Amino acid sequence: MRTRILLTATIASTVAVAGALPANASTASTTVLSQGHVDVLDIAYEDGELAVHVHDEVTGELDPCSVVLKVKPEARTTVPADPAYAFLGAAGDPVWVLPQVEDPNLLFAGLATEEIAAGQLAGDSVTIKLTSVYGPGDVSVFTTDEFGAPSIIFDEGDGLPDTHNLAAGVHQHANWAFEAAGWYWLTFKVTAKDAFTGAHLSSGPVTIRFQVVS
């Protein structure tokens, strides 16, 4: 079900400030990324805790609350007529997609656990949970195989939370789809278990901000 909320004054104020920033601009508190390789969630296990950053190939590790990921107008396409893509909306409807295959004009967005060594976590994996989305349209994250068939990782349209298990020491790219232009806040939580102590680990809520430009 599409999320429909009234944003608080705090969130509205944040939009007003961030909306004034040009692409690829930085201030003391905000970095806007609009192209190049970026790990939306770069997950590490450090000093007995799960750490989550946004990783940009140019600037390195960034605090998620200081980043805006900009989806440029060039990302706009239409929903395919293939029924397998009905989760994106009706065939022919507009949708903005950061693609799984690198486009130098857009963000190449992935998920990463490359900083987690084998044997640190039980099952050598983490669980990523998309807990909430605030924004003007549905959001989905999915991969496509060599024949173009989609495999959904997260889909706000059929309800949240959604979970995705990701192996340690890997890097995964996917398609990030937004069904309307505007501002989005995606909140994730990463959990795992320490392989030696059995302790349950949690990143706590991590919110990633996207601006989808029409």
C-alpha atoms as a PDB file:
ATOM      1  CA  MET A   1       0.000   0.000   0.000  1.00  0.00           C
ATOM      2  CA  ARG A   2       1.382   3.379  -0.970  1.00  0.00           C
ATOM      3  CA  THR A   3       2.643   5.358   1.993  1.00  0.00           C
ATOM      4  CA  ARG A   4       0.762   8.594   2.571  1.00  0.00           C
ATOM      5  CA  ILE A   5       1.847  10.684   5.538  1.00  0.00           C
ATOM      6  CA  LEU A   6       1.994  14.240   6.704  1.00  0.00           C
ATOM      7  CA  LEU A   7       5.632  15.124   7.242  1.00  0.00           C
ATOM      8  CA  THR A   8       6.595  16.750  10.472  1.00  0.00           C
ATOM      9  CA  ALA A   9       7.872  20.309  10.612  1.00  0.00           C
ATOM     10  CA  THR A  10      11.386  18.971  11.135  1.00  0.00           C
ATOM     11  CA  ILE A  11      11.300  16.873   7.971  1.00  0.00           C
ATOM     12  CA  ALA A  12       9.688  19.654   5.974  1.00  0.00           C
ATOM     13  CA  SER A  13      12.450  22.006   7.065  1.00  0.00           C
ATOM     14  CA  THR A  14      15.064  19.491   5.935  1.00  0.00           C
ATOM     15  CA  VAL A  15      13.459  19.279   2.491  1.00  0.00           C
ATOM     16  CA  ALA A  16      13.467  23.037   2.114  1.00  0.00           C
ATOM     17  CA  VAL A  17      17.166  23.261   2.901  1.00  0.00           C
ATOM     18  CA  ALA A  18      18.292  20.256   0.852  1.00  0.00           C
ATOM     19  CA  GLY A  19      16.113  21.171  -2.096  1.00  0.00           C
ATOM     20  CA  ALA A  20      18.138  24.327  -2.634  1.00  0.00           C
ATOM     21  CA  LEU A  21      21.365  22.387  -3.254  1.00  0.00           C
ATOM     22  CA  PRO A  22      22.593  21.833  -6.814  1.00  0.00           C
ATOM     23  CA  ALA A  23      23.726  18.418  -8.056  1.00  0.00           C
ATOM     24  CA  ASN A  24      27.081  17.219  -6.735  1.00  0.00           C
ATOM     25  CA  ALA A  25      27.208  20.151  -4.276  1.00  0.00           C
ATOM     26  CA  SER A  26      28.500  19.912  -0.731  1.00  0.00           C
ATOM     27  CA  THR A  27      28.015  22.012   2.351  1.00  0.00           C
ATOM     28  CA  ALA A  28      29.377  21.552   5.839  1.00  0.00           C
ATOM     29  CA  SER A  29      26.493  19.162   6.581  1.00  0.00           C
ATOM     30  CA  THR A  30      25.211  17.792   3.249  1.00  0.00           C
ATOM     31  CA  THR A  31      26.785  16.005   0.297  1.00  0.00           C
ATOM     32  CA  VAL A  32      24.680  15.542  -2.832  1.00  0.00           C
ATOM     33  CA  LEU A  33      25.628  12.584  -5.034  1.00  0.00           C
ATOM     34  CA  SER A  34      24.065  12.277  -8.483  1.00  0.00           C
ATOM     35  CA  GLN A  35      26.377  10.005 -10.505  1.00  0.00           C
ATOM     36  CA  GLY A  36      29.087   7.412 -10.105  1.00  0.00           C
ATOM     37  CA  HIS A  37      29.427   4.319  -7.988  1.00  0.00           C
ATOM     38  CA  VAL A  38      27.817   4.483  -4.551  1.00  0.00           C
ATOM     39  CA  ASP A  39      26.988   1.869  -1.944  1.00  0.00           C
ATOM     40  CA  VAL A  40      23.694   2.963  -0.446  1.00  0.00           C
ATOM     41  CA  LEU A  41      24.411   0.693   2.505  1.00  0.00           C
ATOM     42  CA  ASP A  42      28.095  -0.080   3.121  1.00  0.00           C
ATOM     43  CA  ILE A  43      28.039  -2.488   6.058  1.00  0.00           C
ATOM     44  CA  ALA A  44      31.029  -3.242   8.281  1.00  0.00           C
ATOM     45  CA  TYR A  45      31.588  -5.102  11.557  1.00  0.00           C
ATOM     46  CA  GLU A  46      33.886  -3.047  13.759  1.00  0.00           C
ATOM     47  CA  ASP A  47      34.671  -3.343  17.482  1.00  0.00           C
ATOM     48  CA  GLY A  48      31.755  -5.694  18.072  1.00  0.00           C
ATOM     49  CA  GLU A  49      29.216  -3.448  16.338  1.00  0.00           C
ATOM     50  CA  LEU A  50      27.588  -3.245  12.928  1.00  0.00           C
ATOM     51  CA  ALA A  51      28.450   0.043  11.219  1.00  0.00           C
ATOM     52  CA  VAL A  52      26.559   1.376   8.195  1.00  0.00           C
ATOM     53  CA  HIS A  53      27.782   4.165   5.919  1.00  0.00           C
ATOM     54  CA  VAL A  54      27.084   5.471   2.452  1.00  0.00           C
ATOM     55  CA  HIS A  55      30.213   4.769   0.424  1.00  0.00           C
ATOM     56  CA  ASP A  56      31.066   7.017  -2.516  1.00  0.00           C
ATOM     57  CA  GLU A  57      33.934   5.951  -4.754  1.00  0.00           C
ATOM     58  CA  VAL A  58      35.299   9.521  -4.768  1.00  0.00           C
ATOM     59  CA  THR A  59      34.780  10.817  -1.219  1.00  0.00           C
ATOM     60  CA  GLY A  60      34.783   7.517   0.684  1.00  0.00           C
ATOM     61  CA  GLU A  61      32.632   6.745   3.728  1.00  0.00           C
ATOM     62  CA  LEU A  62      29.863   9.207   4.542  1.00  0.00           C
ATOM     63  CA  ASP A  63      27.405   9.500   7.403  1.00  0.00           C
ATOM     64  CA  PRO A  64      23.987   8.538   5.953  1.00  0.00           C
ATOM     65  CA  CYS A  65      22.295  11.545   7.556  1.00  0.00           C
ATOM     66  CA  SER A  66      24.668  13.900   5.686  1.00  0.00           C
ATOM     67  CA  VAL A  67      23.952  12.531   2.191  1.00  0.00           C
ATOM     68  CA  VAL A  68      21.338  13.180  -0.493  1.00  0.00           C
ATOM     69  CA  LEU A  69      21.245  10.617  -3.309  1.00  0.00           C
ATOM     70  CA  LYS A  70      19.908  12.427  -6.353  1.00  0.00           C
ATOM     71  CA  VAL A  71      17.961  10.552  -9.031  1.00  0.00           C
ATOM     72  CA  LYS A  72      18.304  12.728 -12.127  1.00  0.00           C
ATOM     73  CA  PRO A  73      15.646  13.245 -14.832  1.00  0.00           C
ATOM     74  CA  GLU A  74      17.657  10.941 -17.105  1.00  0.00           C
ATOM     75  CA  ALA A  75      16.582   8.047 -14.869  1.00  0.00           C
ATOM     76  CA  ARG A  76      12.973   8.454 -15.997  1.00  0.00           C
ATOM     77  CA  THR A  77      11.566   5.596 -18.080  1.00  0.00           C
ATOM     78  CA  THR A  78       8.240   3.765 -18.374  1.00  0.00           C
ATOM     79  CA  VAL A  79       6.933   0.564 -16.832  1.00  0.00           C
ATOM     80  CA  PRO A  80       7.323  -2.343 -19.290  1.00  0.00           C
ATOM     81  CA  ALA A  81       4.237  -4.102 -20.635  1.00  0.00           C
ATOM     82  CA  ASP A  82       5.614  -7.394 -19.260  1.00  0.00           C
ATOM     83  CA  PRO A  83       3.291  -8.531 -16.400  1.00  0.00           C
ATOM     84  CA  ALA A  84       6.376  -9.490 -14.389  1.00  0.00           C
ATOM     85  CA  TYR A  85       6.953  -5.745 -13.896  1.00  0.00           C
ATOM     86  CA  ALA A  86       3.457  -4.978 -12.605  1.00  0.00           C
ATOM     87  CA  PHE A  87       4.970  -4.250  -9.178  1.00  0.00           C
ATOM     88  CA  LEU A  88       6.248  -0.969 -10.707  1.00  0.00           C
ATOM     89  CA  GLY A  89       2.741   0.178 -11.684  1.00  0.00           C
ATOM     90  CA  ALA A  90       0.665   0.049 -14.849  1.00  0.00           C
ATOM     91  CA  ALA A  91       2.393  -0.509 -18.175  1.00  0.00           C
ATOM     92  CA  GLY A  92       3.465   2.819 -19.642  1.00  0.00           C
ATOM     93  CA  ASP A  93       3.441   4.690 -16.329  1.00  0.00           C
ATOM     94  CA  PRO A  94       6.534   6.793 -15.560  1.00  0.00           C
ATOM     95  CA  VAL A  95       9.137   5.348 -13.206  1.00  0.00           C
ATOM     96  CA  TRP A  96      12.611   6.601 -12.269  1.00  0.00           C
ATOM     97  CA  VAL A  97      15.198   3.812 -12.142  1.00  0.00           C
ATOM     98  CA  LEU A  98      18.822   3.803 -11.013  1.00  0.00           C
ATOM     99  CA  PRO A  99      19.894   0.795 -13.092  1.00  0.00           C
ATOM    100  CA  GLN A 100      21.673  -2.367 -12.078  1.00  0.00           C
ATOM    101  CA  VAL A 101      24.027  -1.934 -15.040  1.00  0.00           C
ATOM    102  CA  GLU A 102      26.272   1.121 -14.776  1.00  0.00           C
ATOM    103  CA  ASP A 103      25.213   4.293 -16.572  1.00  0.00           C
ATOM    104  CA  PRO A 104      27.912   6.995 -16.230  1.00  0.00           C
ATOM    105  CA  ASN A 105      25.265   9.733 -16.085  1.00  0.00           C
ATOM    106  CA  LEU A 106      23.424   8.231 -13.099  1.00  0.00           C
ATOM    107  CA  LEU A 107      24.152   6.806  -9.691  1.00  0.00           C
ATOM    108  CA  PHE A 108      25.316   3.178  -9.807  1.00  0.00           C
ATOM    109  CA  ALA A 109      23.794   2.102  -6.513  1.00  0.00           C
ATOM    110  CA  GLY A 110      24.610  -1.050  -4.603  1.00  0.00           C
ATOM    111  CA  LEU A 111      24.785  -2.829  -1.267  1.00  0.00           C
ATOM    112  CA  ALA A 112      28.119  -3.911   0.208  1.00  0.00           C
ATOM    113  CA  THR A 113      29.470  -6.138   2.978  1.00  0.00           C
ATOM    114  CA  GLU A 114      33.011  -6.273   1.652  1.00  0.00           C
ATOM    115  CA  GLU A 115      34.458  -5.054   4.957  1.00  0.00           C
ATOM    116  CA  ILE A 116      33.090  -8.080   6.831  1.00  0.00           C
ATOM    117  CA  ALA A 117      35.580 -10.951   6.923  1.00  0.00           C
ATOM    118  CA  ALA A 118      34.542 -14.571   6.633  1.00  0.00           C
ATOM    119  CA  GLY A 119      33.891 -16.173  10.009  1.00  0.00           C
ATOM    120  CA  GLN A 120      33.006 -12.999  11.899  1.00  0.00           C
ATOM    121  CA  LEU A 121      29.234 -13.433  11.719  1.00  0.00           C
ATOM    122  CA  ALA A 122      27.019 -16.477  12.155  1.00  0.00           C
ATOM    123  CA  GLY A 123      26.147 -17.869   8.747  1.00  0.00           C
ATOM    124  CA  ASP A 124      28.534 -15.334   7.193  1.00  0.00           C
ATOM    125  CA  SER A 125      25.579 -13.065   6.433  1.00  0.00           C
ATOM    126  CA  VAL A 126      23.597 -10.034   7.516  1.00  0.00           C
ATOM    127  CA  THR A 127      19.879  -9.355   7.292  1.00  0.00           C
ATOM    128  CA  ILE A 128      18.865  -6.015   5.791  1.00  0.00           C
ATOM    129  CA  LYS A 129      15.344  -4.896   6.625  1.00  0.00           C
ATOM    130  CA  LEU A 130      13.575  -2.030   4.861  1.00  0.00           C
ATOM    131  CA  THR A 131      11.298  -0.883   7.647  1.00  0.00           C
ATOM    132  CA  SER A 132       9.638   2.241   6.243  1.00  0.00           C
ATOM    133  CA  VAL A 133       9.454   4.614   3.295  1.00  0.00           C
ATOM    134  CA  TYR A 134       8.239   8.213   3.413  1.00  0.00           C
ATOM    135  CA  GLY A 135       7.676   9.729  -0.006  1.00  0.00           C
ATOM    136  CA  PRO A 136       5.251  10.532  -2.823  1.00  0.00           C
ATOM    137  CA  GLY A 137       5.295   7.108  -4.491  1.00  0.00           C
ATOM    138  CA  ASP A 138       6.157   3.458  -4.061  1.00  0.00           C
ATOM    139  CA  VAL A 139       9.790   2.335  -3.986  1.00  0.00           C
ATOM    140  CA  SER A 140      11.202  -1.007  -5.042  1.00  0.00           C
ATOM    141  CA  VAL A 141      14.649  -2.533  -5.327  1.00  0.00           C
ATOM    142  CA  PHE A 142      15.121  -5.482  -7.666  1.00  0.00           C
ATOM    143  CA  THR A 143      17.608  -7.336  -9.804  1.00  0.00           C
ATOM    144  CA  THR A 144      17.186  -8.552 -13.367  1.00  0.00           C
ATOM    145  CA  ASP A 145      18.682 -11.711 -14.799  1.00  0.00           C
ATOM    146  CA  GLU A 146      20.281 -12.176 -18.211  1.00  0.00           C
ATOM    147  CA  PHE A 147      16.839 -12.634 -19.771  1.00  0.00           C
ATOM    148  CA  GLY A 148      15.439  -9.454 -18.215  1.00  0.00           C
ATOM    149  CA  ALA A 149      13.288 -11.205 -15.608  1.00  0.00           C
ATOM    150  CA  PRO A 150      13.022  -9.259 -12.332  1.00  0.00           C
ATOM    151  CA  SER A 151      13.693 -10.598  -8.847  1.00  0.00           C
ATOM    152  CA  ILE A 152      12.386  -8.344  -6.076  1.00  0.00           C
ATOM    153  CA  ILE A 153      14.586  -7.484  -3.088  1.00  0.00           C
ATOM    154  CA  PHE A 154      12.373  -4.808  -1.493  1.00  0.00           C
ATOM    155  CA  ASP A 155       8.925  -3.650  -2.582  1.00  0.00           C
ATOM    156  CA  GLU A 156       7.061  -1.012  -0.607  1.00  0.00           C
ATOM    157  CA  GLY A 157       4.003  -1.569  -2.786  1.00  0.00           C
ATOM    158  CA  ASP A 158       3.136  -4.928  -1.216  1.00  0.00           C
ATOM    159  CA  GLY A 159       3.784  -3.781   2.345  1.00  0.00           C
ATOM    160  CA  LEU A 160       6.728  -3.367   4.677  1.00  0.00           C
ATOM    161  CA  PRO A 161       8.937  -4.460   6.332  1.00  0.00           C
ATOM    162  CA  ASP A 162      10.833  -6.446   3.705  1.00  0.00           C
ATOM    163  CA  THR A 163      14.029  -8.333   4.444  1.00  0.00           C
ATOM    164  CA  HIS A 164      17.019  -9.348   2.360  1.00  0.00           C
ATOM    165  CA  ASN A 165      19.858 -11.626   3.442  1.00  0.00           C
ATOM    166  CA  LEU A 166      23.257 -10.616   2.103  1.00  0.00           C
ATOM    167  CA  ALA A 167      26.395 -12.706   2.415  1.00  0.00           C
ATOM    168  CA  ALA A 168      29.483 -11.280   4.085  1.00  0.00           C
ATOM    169  CA  GLY A 169      32.301 -10.059   1.847  1.00  0.00           C
ATOM    170  CA  VAL A 170      30.178  -9.320  -1.210  1.00  0.00           C
ATOM    171  CA  HIS A 171      28.989  -6.443  -3.344  1.00  0.00           C
ATOM    172  CA  GLN A 172      25.526  -6.431  -4.932  1.00  0.00           C
ATOM    173  CA  HIS A 173      24.073  -3.994  -7.443  1.00  0.00           C
ATOM    174  CA  ALA A 174      20.366  -3.668  -8.148  1.00  0.00           C
ATOM    175  CA  ASN A 175      17.748  -1.483  -9.806  1.00  0.00           C
ATOM    176  CA  TRP A 176      16.344   1.212  -7.493  1.00  0.00           C
ATOM    177  CA  ALA A 177      12.896   2.301  -8.729  1.00  0.00           C
ATOM    178  CA  PHE A 178      10.789   5.293  -7.659  1.00  0.00           C
ATOM    179  CA  GLU A 179       7.237   5.695  -8.967  1.00  0.00           C
ATOM    180  CA  ALA A 180       6.952   9.483  -8.562  1.00  0.00           C
ATOM    181  CA  ALA A 181       9.225  12.505  -8.433  1.00  0.00           C
ATOM    182  CA  GLY A 182       9.937  14.085  -5.057  1.00  0.00           C
ATOM    183  CA  TRP A 183      11.726  13.438  -1.769  1.00  0.00           C
ATOM    184  CA  TYR A 184      12.010  10.013  -0.152  1.00  0.00           C
ATOM    185  CA  TRP A 185      13.297   8.741   3.181  1.00  0.00           C
ATOM    186  CA  LEU A 186      14.107   5.013   3.234  1.00  0.00           C
ATOM    187  CA  THR A 187      14.773   3.575   6.682  1.00  0.00           C
ATOM    188  CA  PHE A 188      16.726   0.336   7.006  1.00  0.00           C
ATOM    189  CA  LYS A 189      17.930  -1.810   9.882  1.00  0.00           C
ATOM    190  CA  VAL A 190      20.796  -4.305   9.591  1.00  0.00           C
ATOM    191  CA  THR A 191      21.014  -7.281  11.962  1.00  0.00           C
ATOM    192  CA  ALA A 192      23.344 -10.240  12.405  1.00  0.00           C
ATOM    193  CA  LYS A 193      24.786 -12.531  15.068  1.00  0.00           C
ATOM    194  CA  ASP A 194      28.404 -12.667  16.234  1.00  0.00           C
ATOM    195  CA  ALA A 195      29.888 -16.026  15.225  1.00  0.00           C
ATOM    196  CA  PHE A 196      31.940 -16.382  18.427  1.00  0.00           C
ATOM    197  CA  THR A 197      29.781 -14.940  21.202  1.00  0.00           C
ATOM    198  CA  GLY A 198      26.347 -15.503  19.710  1.00  0.00           C
ATOM    199  CA  ALA A 199      25.472 -11.895  20.534  1.00  0.00           C
ATOM    200  CA  HIS A 200      22.637 -10.397  18.523  1.00  0.00           C
ATOM    201  CA  LEU A 201      23.783  -7.306  16.606  1.00  0.00           C
ATOM    202  CA  SER A 202      21.764  -4.411  15.221  1.00  0.00           C
ATOM    203  CA  SER A 203      22.675  -1.233  13.417  1.00  0.00           C
ATOM    204  CA  GLY A 204      19.547   0.500  14.678  1.00  0.00           C
ATOM    205  CA  PRO A 205      17.553   2.588  12.163  1.00  0.00           C
ATOM    206  CA  VAL A 206      19.544   3.998   9.240  1.00  0.00           C
ATOM    207  CA  THR A 207      17.694   6.506   7.039  1.00  0.00           C
ATOM    208  CA  ILE A 208      18.791   7.215   3.466  1.00  0.00           C
ATOM    209  CA  ARG A 209      17.488  10.307   1.668  1.00  0.00           C
ATOM    210  CA  PHE A 210      16.738  10.368  -2.072  1.00  0.00           C
ATOM    211  CA  GLN A 211      15.671  13.257  -4.286  1.00  0.00           C
ATOM    212  CA  VAL A 212      13.928  12.165  -7.480  1.00  0.00           C
ATOM    213  CA  VAL A 213      13.899  14.950 -10.058  1.00  0.00           C
ATOM    214  CA  SER A 214      11.298  15.103 -12.807  1.00  0.00           C
END
